[in-house]
């Protein structure tokens, strides 16, 4: 009863945190996986590695930018363009 409810709440909180982290670093993770795939396939992964570095810089800039409910609409407008 109570133990299962607490477990479900903890799992839900972890899932929400994981969604937030993946939303912030998702492009970086995809670019790093692409780099590994290129290198494992015997190709040059420099281009994918550069993309991963660029996405990491973008994620860092997003992470330090102040976010409030007033700027929420700005984020959505930028993504739709």
Protein backbone atom coordinates (compact mmCIF):
# COMPACT_ATOMS: atom_id res chain seq x y z
CA UNK A 1 0.00 0.00 0.00
CA UNK A 2 1.95 2.92 1.35
CA UNK A 3 5.36 1.56 0.33
CA UNK A 4 4.22 1.07 -3.25
CA UNK A 5 2.80 4.61 -3.38
CA UNK A 6 6.10 6.06 -2.15
CA UNK A 7 7.99 3.99 -4.71
CA UNK A 8 5.76 5.24 -7.54
CA UNK A 9 6.28 8.86 -6.45
CA UNK A 10 10.06 8.42 -6.39
CA UNK A 11 10.05 6.78 -9.83
CA UNK A 12 7.90 9.61 -11.19
CA UNK A 13 10.28 12.25 -9.82
CA UNK A 14 13.27 10.47 -11.35
CA UNK A 15 11.45 10.26 -14.69
CA UNK A 16 10.66 13.99 -14.63
CA UNK A 17 14.30 14.80 -13.86
CA UNK A 18 15.47 12.51 -16.67
CA UNK A 19 13.13 14.21 -19.14
CA UNK A 20 14.52 17.60 -18.13
CA UNK A 21 18.12 16.49 -18.51
CA UNK A 22 17.47 14.84 -21.86
CA UNK A 23 15.63 17.94 -23.05
CA UNK A 24 18.64 20.07 -22.23
CA UNK A 25 21.37 17.70 -23.42
CA UNK A 26 19.48 15.59 -25.99
CA UNK A 27 21.18 17.01 -29.08
CA UNK A 28 24.59 16.68 -27.43
CA UNK A 29 23.95 13.03 -26.59
CA UNK A 30 22.74 12.27 -30.13
CA UNK A 31 25.81 13.95 -31.63
CA UNK A 32 28.16 12.01 -29.36
CA UNK A 33 26.48 8.73 -30.30
CA UNK A 34 26.83 9.71 -33.97
CA UNK A 35 30.54 10.35 -33.41
CA UNK A 36 31.01 6.92 -31.85
CA UNK A 37 29.04 5.28 -34.67
CA UNK A 38 31.17 6.98 -37.32
CA UNK A 39 34.42 5.98 -35.63
CA UNK A 40 33.31 2.38 -35.01
CA UNK A 41 32.30 2.14 -38.66
CA UNK A 42 35.80 3.16 -39.73
CA UNK A 43 34.81 6.64 -40.86
CA UNK A 44 36.03 10.04 -39.72
CA UNK A 45 33.86 11.26 -36.85
CA UNK A 46 35.30 14.78 -36.72
CA UNK A 47 32.20 16.45 -38.13
CA UNK A 48 29.89 14.70 -35.66
CA UNK A 49 32.34 15.48 -32.84
CA UNK A 50 32.29 19.17 -33.75
CA UNK A 51 28.50 19.09 -33.75
CA UNK A 52 28.55 17.53 -30.27
CA UNK A 53 30.83 20.30 -29.03
CA UNK A 54 28.56 22.97 -30.53
CA UNK A 55 25.47 21.40 -29.00
CA UNK A 56 27.23 21.17 -25.63
CA UNK A 57 28.00 24.88 -25.76
CA UNK A 58 24.39 25.62 -26.68
CA UNK A 59 23.15 23.49 -23.78
CA UNK A 60 25.46 25.32 -21.40
CA UNK A 61 24.17 28.69 -22.61
CA UNK A 62 20.58 27.49 -22.15
CA UNK A 63 21.37 26.21 -18.67
CA UNK A 64 22.64 29.53 -17.36
CA UNK A 65 19.97 31.66 -19.00
CA UNK A 66 17.32 32.86 -16.59
CA UNK A 67 13.97 31.24 -17.13
CA UNK A 68 10.68 32.42 -15.70
CA UNK A 69 7.07 32.13 -16.72
CA UNK A 70 7.50 35.46 -18.53
CA UNK A 71 10.10 33.94 -20.88
CA UNK A 72 8.25 30.65 -21.40
CA UNK A 73 6.49 31.88 -24.53
CA UNK A 74 9.78 33.16 -25.96
CA UNK A 75 11.26 29.66 -25.79
CA UNK A 76 8.32 28.17 -27.68
CA UNK A 77 8.33 30.93 -30.30
CA UNK A 78 12.03 30.38 -31.01
CA UNK A 79 11.54 26.63 -31.50
CA UNK A 80 8.68 27.08 -33.97
CA UNK A 81 10.66 29.34 -36.31
